[in-house]
Amino acid sequence: MIKIRKEIMVTSVIGSVAYLEGAMITAAIPYISLQLNISELCASLLLTLFALVSSFLFIPFYLIEEKRGIKKLLF
């Protein structure tokens, strides 16, 4: 039972960090573009690249959930 609770906690933390990371990069993109001296187009492409990489990183977590099953993770 404790092992399942740890898995739920780890999964929740990973999801929260991923969400906050996306929100922070969106808020920080104007400062990043100023520091790197890039145009708005390049900054938006950077944001798009970040979103694509994040999307591809969610695939392994989805596969783990499919293998373990949602019932085993939650109950």
PDB file of N, CA and C in Angstrom:
ATOM      1  N   MET A   1       0.821  -1.194   0.000  1.00  0.00           N
ATOM      2  CA  MET A   1       0.000   0.000   0.000  1.00  0.00           C
ATOM      3  C   MET A   1       0.866   1.259   0.000  1.00  0.00           C
ATOM      4  N   ILE A   2       1.951   1.247   0.772  1.00  0.00           N
ATOM      5  CA  ILE A   2       2.830   2.411   0.842  1.00  0.00           C
ATOM      6  C   ILE A   2       3.527   2.622  -0.493  1.00  0.00           C
ATOM      7  N   LYS A   3       3.873   1.520  -1.172  1.00  0.00           N
ATOM      8  CA  LYS A   3       4.534   1.616  -2.469  1.00  0.00           C
ATOM      9  C   LYS A   3       3.629   2.310  -3.486  1.00  0.00           C
ATOM     10  N   ILE A   4       2.347   1.974  -3.452  1.00  0.00           N
ATOM     11  CA  ILE A   4       1.400   2.593  -4.385  1.00  0.00           C
ATOM     12  C   ILE A   4       1.262   4.078  -4.077  1.00  0.00           C
ATOM     13  N   ARG A   5       1.234   4.439  -2.818  1.00  0.00           N
ATOM     14  CA  ARG A   5       1.137   5.854  -2.449  1.00  0.00           C
ATOM     15  C   ARG A   5       2.361   6.629  -2.912  1.00  0.00           C
ATOM     16  N   LYS A   6       3.538   6.005  -2.827  1.00  0.00           N
ATOM     17  CA  LYS A   6       4.755   6.654  -3.320  1.00  0.00           C
ATOM     18  C   LYS A   6       4.667   6.874  -4.821  1.00  0.00           C
ATOM     19  N   GLU A   7       4.157   5.882  -5.548  1.00  0.00           N
ATOM     20  CA  GLU A   7       4.020   6.013  -6.998  1.00  0.00           C
ATOM     21  C   GLU A   7       3.046   7.129  -7.361  1.00  0.00           C
ATOM     22  N   ILE A   8       1.966   7.226  -6.606  1.00  0.00           N
ATOM     23  CA  ILE A   8       1.002   8.300  -6.858  1.00  0.00           C
ATOM     24  C   ILE A   8       1.641   9.655  -6.585  1.00  0.00           C
ATOM     25  N   MET A   9       2.401   9.753  -5.512  1.00  0.00           N
ATOM     26  CA  MET A   9       3.065  11.010  -5.171  1.00  0.00           C
ATOM     27  C   MET A   9       4.078  11.393  -6.239  1.00  0.00           C
ATOM     28  N   VAL A  10       4.882  10.439  -6.687  1.00  0.00           N
ATOM     29  CA  VAL A  10       5.886  10.716  -7.717  1.00  0.00           C
ATOM     30  C   VAL A  10       5.210  11.145  -9.009  1.00  0.00           C
ATOM     31  N   THR A  11       4.151  10.447  -9.391  1.00  0.00           N
ATOM     32  CA  THR A  11       3.428  10.804 -10.608  1.00  0.00           C
ATOM     33  C   THR A  11       2.826  12.199 -10.496  1.00  0.00           C
ATOM     34  N   SER A  12       2.275  12.530  -9.347  1.00  0.00           N
ATOM     35  CA  SER A  12       1.691  13.858  -9.147  1.00  0.00           C
ATOM     36  C   SER A  12       2.748  14.950  -9.209  1.00  0.00           C
ATOM     37  N   VAL A  13       3.889  14.709  -8.595  1.00  0.00           N
ATOM     38  CA  VAL A  13       4.966  15.701  -8.611  1.00  0.00           C
ATOM     39  C   VAL A  13       5.477  15.910 -10.035  1.00  0.00           C
ATOM     40  N   ILE A  14       5.661  14.825 -10.777  1.00  0.00           N
ATOM     41  CA  ILE A  14       6.132  14.943 -12.159  1.00  0.00           C
ATOM     42  C   ILE A  14       5.139  15.735 -12.998  1.00  0.00           C
ATOM     43  N   GLY A  15       3.857  15.449 -12.842  1.00  0.00           N
ATOM     44  CA  GLY A  15       2.841  16.191 -13.580  1.00  0.00           C
ATOM     45  C   GLY A  15       2.810  17.661 -13.208  1.00  0.00           C
ATOM     46  N   SER A  16       2.948  17.955 -11.930  1.00  0.00           N
ATOM     47  CA  SER A  16       2.946  19.348 -11.484  1.00  0.00           C
ATOM     48  C   SER A  16       4.155  20.110 -12.000  1.00  0.00           C
ATOM     49  N   VAL A  17       5.310  19.473 -11.953  1.00  0.00           N
ATOM     50  CA  VAL A  17       6.529  20.121 -12.448  1.00  0.00           C
ATOM     51  C   VAL A  17       6.427  20.374 -13.942  1.00  0.00           C
ATOM     52  N   ALA A  18       5.890  19.413 -14.675  1.00  0.00           N
ATOM     53  CA  ALA A  18       5.739  19.586 -16.122  1.00  0.00           C
ATOM     54  C   ALA A  18       4.801  20.749 -16.428  1.00  0.00           C
ATOM     55  N   TYR A  19       3.710  20.863 -15.682  1.00  0.00           N
ATOM     56  CA  TYR A  19       2.773  21.967 -15.893  1.00  0.00           C
ATOM     57  C   TYR A  19       3.427  23.304 -15.553  1.00  0.00           C
ATOM     58  N   LEU A  20       4.096  23.381 -14.419  1.00  0.00           N
ATOM     59  CA  LEU A  20       4.744  24.629 -14.018  1.00  0.00           C
ATOM     60  C   LEU A  20       5.863  25.017 -14.971  1.00  0.00           C
ATOM     61  N   GLU A  21       6.571  24.016 -15.475  1.00  0.00           N
ATOM     62  CA  GLU A  21       7.650  24.289 -16.419  1.00  0.00           C
ATOM     63  C   GLU A  21       7.102  24.946 -17.686  1.00  0.00           C
ATOM     64  N   GLY A  22       5.984  24.440 -18.173  1.00  0.00           N
ATOM     65  CA  GLY A  22       5.357  25.039 -19.350  1.00  0.00           C
ATOM     66  C   GLY A  22       4.881  26.456 -19.088  1.00  0.00           C
ATOM     67  N   ALA A  23       4.327  26.684 -17.906  1.00  0.00           N
ATOM     68  CA  ALA A  23       3.860  28.025 -17.567  1.00  0.00           C
ATOM     69  C   ALA A  23       5.027  28.992 -17.400  1.00  0.00           C
ATOM     70  N   MET A  24       6.117  28.523 -16.810  1.00  0.00           N
ATOM     71  CA  MET A  24       7.267  29.404 -16.590  1.00  0.00           C
ATOM     72  C   MET A  24       7.961  29.770 -17.894  1.00  0.00           C
ATOM     73  N   ILE A  25       8.068  28.822 -18.821  1.00  0.00           N
ATOM     74  CA  ILE A  25       8.737  29.137 -20.085  1.00  0.00           C
ATOM     75  C   ILE A  25       7.917  30.150 -20.879  1.00  0.00           C
ATOM     76  N   THR A  26       6.594  30.068 -20.781  1.00  0.00           N
ATOM     77  CA  THR A  26       5.748  31.036 -21.475  1.00  0.00           C
ATOM     78  C   THR A  26       5.939  32.435 -20.896  1.00  0.00           C
ATOM     79  N   ALA A  27       6.028  32.524 -19.580  1.00  0.00           N
ATOM     80  CA  ALA A  27       6.224  33.825 -18.942  1.00  0.00           C
ATOM     81  C   ALA A  27       7.633  34.360 -19.165  1.00  0.00           C
ATOM     82  N   ALA A  28       8.602  33.478 -19.308  1.00  0.00           N
ATOM     83  CA  ALA A  28       9.997  33.898 -19.424  1.00  0.00           C
ATOM     84  C   ALA A  28      10.449  34.153 -20.855  1.00  0.00           C
ATOM     85  N   ILE A  29       9.638  33.822 -21.847  1.00  0.00           N
ATOM     86  CA  ILE A  29      10.092  33.929 -23.238  1.00  0.00           C
ATOM     87  C   ILE A  29      10.463  35.359 -23.644  1.00  0.00           C
ATOM     88  N   PRO A  30       9.794  36.414 -23.159  1.00  0.00           N
ATOM     89  CA  PRO A  30      10.264  37.758 -23.521  1.00  0.00           C
ATOM     90  C   PRO A  30      11.671  38.059 -22.989  1.00  0.00           C
ATOM     91  N   TYR A  31      11.949  37.625 -21.770  1.00  0.00           N
ATOM     92  CA  TYR A  31      13.275  37.853 -21.192  1.00  0.00           C
ATOM     93  C   TYR A  31      14.339  37.010 -21.889  1.00  0.00           C
ATOM     94  N   ILE A  32      13.970  35.806 -22.257  1.00  0.00           N
ATOM     95  CA  ILE A  32      14.906  34.940 -22.979  1.00  0.00           C
ATOM     96  C   ILE A  32      15.241  35.542 -24.334  1.00  0.00           C
ATOM     97  N   SER A  33      14.227  36.065 -25.024  1.00  0.00           N
ATOM     98  CA  SER A  33      14.483  36.657 -26.343  1.00  0.00           C
ATOM     99  C   SER A  33      15.344  37.916 -26.231  1.00  0.00           C
ATOM    100  N   LEU A  34      15.176  38.680 -25.166  1.00  0.00           N
ATOM    101  CA  LEU A  34      16.034  39.852 -24.967  1.00  0.00           C
ATOM    102  C   LEU A  34      17.473  39.444 -24.664  1.00  0.00           C
ATOM    103  N   GLN A  35      17.646  38.442 -23.807  1.00  0.00           N
ATOM    104  CA  GLN A  35      18.990  38.003 -23.442  1.00  0.00           C
ATOM    105  C   GLN A  35      19.730  37.374 -24.617  1.00  0.00           C
ATOM    106  N   LEU A  36      19.004  36.621 -25.434  1.00  0.00           N
ATOM    107  CA  LEU A  36      19.629  35.965 -26.580  1.00  0.00           C
ATOM    108  C   LEU A  36      19.648  36.849 -27.823  1.00  0.00           C
ATOM    109  N   ASN A  37      18.993  38.011 -27.716  1.00  0.00           N
ATOM    110  CA  ASN A  37      18.930  38.966 -28.821  1.00  0.00           C
ATOM    111  C   ASN A  37      18.354  38.319 -30.081  1.00  0.00           C
ATOM    112  N   ILE A  38      17.181  37.681 -29.914  1.00  0.00           N
ATOM    113  CA  ILE A  38      16.517  37.039 -31.040  1.00  0.00           C
ATOM    114  C   ILE A  38      15.183  37.722 -31.304  1.00  0.00           C
ATOM    115  N   SER A  39      14.668  37.536 -32.506  1.00  0.00           N
ATOM    116  CA  SER A  39      13.410  38.173 -32.892  1.00  0.00           C
ATOM    117  C   SER A  39      12.221  37.447 -32.257  1.00  0.00           C
ATOM    118  N   GLU A  40      11.040  38.045 -32.416  1.00  0.00           N
ATOM    119  CA  GLU A  40       9.827  37.426 -31.884  1.00  0.00           C
ATOM    120  C   GLU A  40       9.525  36.115 -32.600  1.00  0.00           C
ATOM    121  N   LEU A  41       9.837  36.058 -33.886  1.00  0.00           N
ATOM    122  CA  LEU A  41       9.620  34.826 -34.642  1.00  0.00           C
ATOM    123  C   LEU A  41      10.493  33.695 -34.100  1.00  0.00           C
ATOM    124  N   CYS A  42      11.747  33.980 -33.867  1.00  0.00           N
ATOM    125  CA  CYS A  42      12.649  32.958 -33.304  1.00  0.00           C
ATOM    126  C   CYS A  42      12.209  32.558 -31.899  1.00  0.00           C
ATOM    127  N   ALA A  43      11.724  33.509 -31.133  1.00  0.00           N
ATOM    128  CA  ALA A  43      11.251  33.198 -29.783  1.00  0.00           C
ATOM    129  C   ALA A  43      10.027  32.290 -29.839  1.00  0.00           C
ATOM    130  N   SER A  44       9.119  32.556 -30.772  1.00  0.00           N
ATOM    131  CA  SER A  44       7.943  31.694 -30.898  1.00  0.00           C
ATOM    132  C   SER A  44       8.331  30.308 -31.409  1.00  0.00           C
ATOM    133  N   LEU A  45       9.335  30.237 -32.280  1.00  0.00           N
ATOM    134  CA  LEU A  45       9.821  28.933 -32.727  1.00  0.00           C
ATOM    135  C   LEU A  45      10.471  28.168 -31.574  1.00  0.00           C
ATOM    136  N   LEU A  46      11.164  28.885 -30.712  1.00  0.00           N
ATOM    137  CA  LEU A  46      11.756  28.269 -29.525  1.00  0.00           C
ATOM    138  C   LEU A  46      10.672  27.696 -28.617  1.00  0.00           C
ATOM    139  N   LEU A  47       9.597  28.442 -28.451  1.00  0.00           N
ATOM    140  CA  LEU A  47       8.482  27.978 -27.633  1.00  0.00           C
ATOM    141  C   LEU A  47       7.809  26.760 -28.262  1.00  0.00           C
ATOM    142  N   THR A  48       7.670  26.765 -29.587  1.00  0.00           N
ATOM    143  CA  THR A  48       7.094  25.619 -30.288  1.00  0.00           C
ATOM    144  C   THR A  48       7.977  24.387 -30.142  1.00  0.00           C
ATOM    145  N   LEU A  49       9.276  24.573 -30.255  1.00  0.00           N
ATOM    146  CA  LEU A  49      10.211  23.462 -30.082  1.00  0.00           C
ATOM    147  C   LEU A  49      10.119  22.887 -28.669  1.00  0.00           C
ATOM    148  N   PHE A  50      10.005  23.761 -27.684  1.00  0.00           N
ATOM    149  CA  PHE A  50       9.851  23.310 -26.300  1.00  0.00           C
ATOM    150  C   PHE A  50       8.580  22.482 -26.141  1.00  0.00           C
ATOM    151  N   ALA A  51       7.482  22.940 -26.751  1.00  0.00           N
ATOM    152  CA  ALA A  51       6.216  22.209 -26.650  1.00  0.00           C
ATOM    153  C   ALA A  51       6.315  20.838 -27.319  1.00  0.00           C
ATOM    154  N   LEU A  52       6.988  20.770 -28.452  1.00  0.00           N
ATOM    155  CA  LEU A  52       7.144  19.486 -29.141  1.00  0.00           C
ATOM    156  C   LEU A  52       7.980  18.505 -28.322  1.00  0.00           C
ATOM    157  N   VAL A  53       9.075  18.979 -27.777  1.00  0.00           N
ATOM    158  CA  VAL A  53       9.924  18.105 -26.957  1.00  0.00           C
ATOM    159  C   VAL A  53       9.162  17.637 -25.723  1.00  0.00           C
ATOM    160  N   SER A  54       8.417  18.525 -25.099  1.00  0.00           N
ATOM    161  CA  SER A  54       7.621  18.138 -23.927  1.00  0.00           C
ATOM    162  C   SER A  54       6.581  17.089 -24.295  1.00  0.00           C
ATOM    163  N   SER A  55       5.962  17.253 -25.453  1.00  0.00           N
ATOM    164  CA  SER A  55       4.965  16.282 -25.900  1.00  0.00           C
ATOM    165  C   SER A  55       5.582  14.912 -26.109  1.00  0.00           C
ATOM    166  N   PHE A  56       6.757  14.874 -26.711  1.00  0.00           N
ATOM    167  CA  PHE A  56       7.413  13.588 -26.939  1.00  0.00           C
ATOM    168  C   PHE A  56       7.895  12.947 -25.640  1.00  0.00           C
ATOM    169  N   LEU A  57       8.175  13.746 -24.640  1.00  0.00           N
ATOM    170  CA  LEU A  57       8.607  13.188 -23.359  1.00  0.00           C
ATOM    171  C   LEU A  57       7.448  12.596 -22.560  1.00  0.00           C
ATOM    172  N   PHE A  58       6.221  12.982 -22.894  1.00  0.00           N
ATOM    173  CA  PHE A  58       5.074  12.406 -22.204  1.00  0.00           C
ATOM    174  C   PHE A  58       4.785  10.987 -22.668  1.00  0.00           C
ATOM    175  N   ILE A  59       5.295  10.599 -23.829  1.00  0.00           N
ATOM    176  CA  ILE A  59       5.033   9.264 -24.369  1.00  0.00           C
ATOM    177  C   ILE A  59       5.550   8.164 -23.444  1.00  0.00           C
ATOM    178  N   PRO A  60       6.786   8.245 -22.924  1.00  0.00           N
ATOM    179  CA  PRO A  60       7.231   7.172 -22.012  1.00  0.00           C
ATOM    180  C   PRO A  60       6.359   7.043 -20.762  1.00  0.00           C
ATOM    181  N   PHE A  61       5.893   8.168 -20.224  1.00  0.00           N
ATOM    182  CA  PHE A  61       5.037   8.101 -19.043  1.00  0.00           C
ATOM    183  C   PHE A  61       3.688   7.471 -19.373  1.00  0.00           C
ATOM    184  N   TYR A  62       3.196   7.733 -20.570  1.00  0.00           N
ATOM    185  CA  TYR A  62       1.952   7.106 -21.013  1.00  0.00           C
ATOM    186  C   TYR A  62       2.139   5.599 -21.130  1.00  0.00           C
ATOM    187  N   LEU A  63       3.275   5.174 -21.683  1.00  0.00           N
ATOM    188  CA  LEU A  63       3.533   3.743 -21.843  1.00  0.00           C
ATOM    189  C   LEU A  63       3.660   3.042 -20.492  1.00  0.00           C
ATOM    190  N   ILE A  64       4.267   3.716 -19.524  1.00  0.00           N
ATOM    191  CA  ILE A  64       4.361   3.144 -18.174  1.00  0.00           C
ATOM    192  C   ILE A  64       2.969   2.977 -17.580  1.00  0.00           C
ATOM    193  N   GLU A  65       2.131   3.977 -17.763  1.00  0.00           N
ATOM    194  CA  GLU A  65       0.765   3.903 -17.242  1.00  0.00           C
ATOM    195  C   GLU A  65      -0.006   2.787 -17.924  1.00  0.00           C
ATOM    196  N   GLU A  66       0.176   2.620 -19.219  1.00  0.00           N
ATOM    197  CA  GLU A  66      -0.502   1.552 -19.943  1.00  0.00           C
ATOM    198  C   GLU A  66      -0.034   0.180 -19.461  1.00  0.00           C
ATOM    199  N   LYS A  67       1.236   0.056 -19.170  1.00  0.00           N
ATOM    200  CA  LYS A  67       1.789  -1.221 -18.720  1.00  0.00           C
ATOM    201  C   LYS A  67       1.322  -1.556 -17.306  1.00  0.00           C
ATOM    202  N   ARG A  68       1.348  -0.563 -16.421  1.00  0.00           N
ATOM    203  CA  ARG A  68       1.000  -0.799 -15.020  1.00  0.00           C
ATOM    204  C   ARG A  68      -0.506  -0.817 -14.801  1.00  0.00           C
ATOM    205  N   GLY A  69      -1.214   0.011 -15.558  1.00  0.00           N
ATOM    206  CA  GLY A  69      -2.658   0.116 -15.382  1.00  0.00           C
ATOM    207  C   GLY A  69      -3.013   1.220 -14.409  1.00  0.00           C
ATOM    208  N   ILE A  70      -4.043   1.947 -14.731  1.00  0.00           N
ATOM    209  CA  ILE A  70      -4.458   3.076 -13.898  1.00  0.00           C
ATOM    210  C   ILE A  70      -4.998   2.595 -12.549  1.00  0.00           C
ATOM    211  N   LYS A  71      -5.637   1.439 -12.520  1.00  0.00           N
ATOM    212  CA  LYS A  71      -6.162   0.924 -11.250  1.00  0.00           C
ATOM    213  C   LYS A  71      -5.034   0.624 -10.269  1.00  0.00           C
ATOM    214  N   LYS A  72      -3.924   0.070 -10.768  1.00  0.00           N
ATOM    215  CA  LYS A  72      -2.804  -0.234  -9.876  1.00  0.00           C
ATOM    216  C   LYS A  72      -2.159   1.036  -9.344  1.00  0.00           C
ATOM    217  N   LEU A  73      -2.174   2.089 -10.137  1.00  0.00           N
ATOM    218  CA  LEU A  73      -1.560   3.331  -9.686  1.00  0.00           C
ATOM    219  C   LEU A  73      -2.436   4.081  -8.693  1.00  0.00           C
ATOM    220  N   LEU A  74      -3.739   4.012  -8.869  1.00  0.00           N
ATOM    221  CA  LEU A  74      -4.630   4.813  -8.028  1.00  0.00           C
ATOM    222  C   LEU A  74      -5.200   4.061  -6.835  1.00  0.00           C
ATOM    223  N   PHE A  75      -5.387   2.759  -6.954  1.00  0.00           N
ATOM    224  CA  PHE A  75      -6.042   2.016  -5.866  1.00  0.00           C
ATOM    225  C   PHE A  75      -5.192   0.888  -5.363  1.00  0.00           C
TER     226      PHE A  75
END
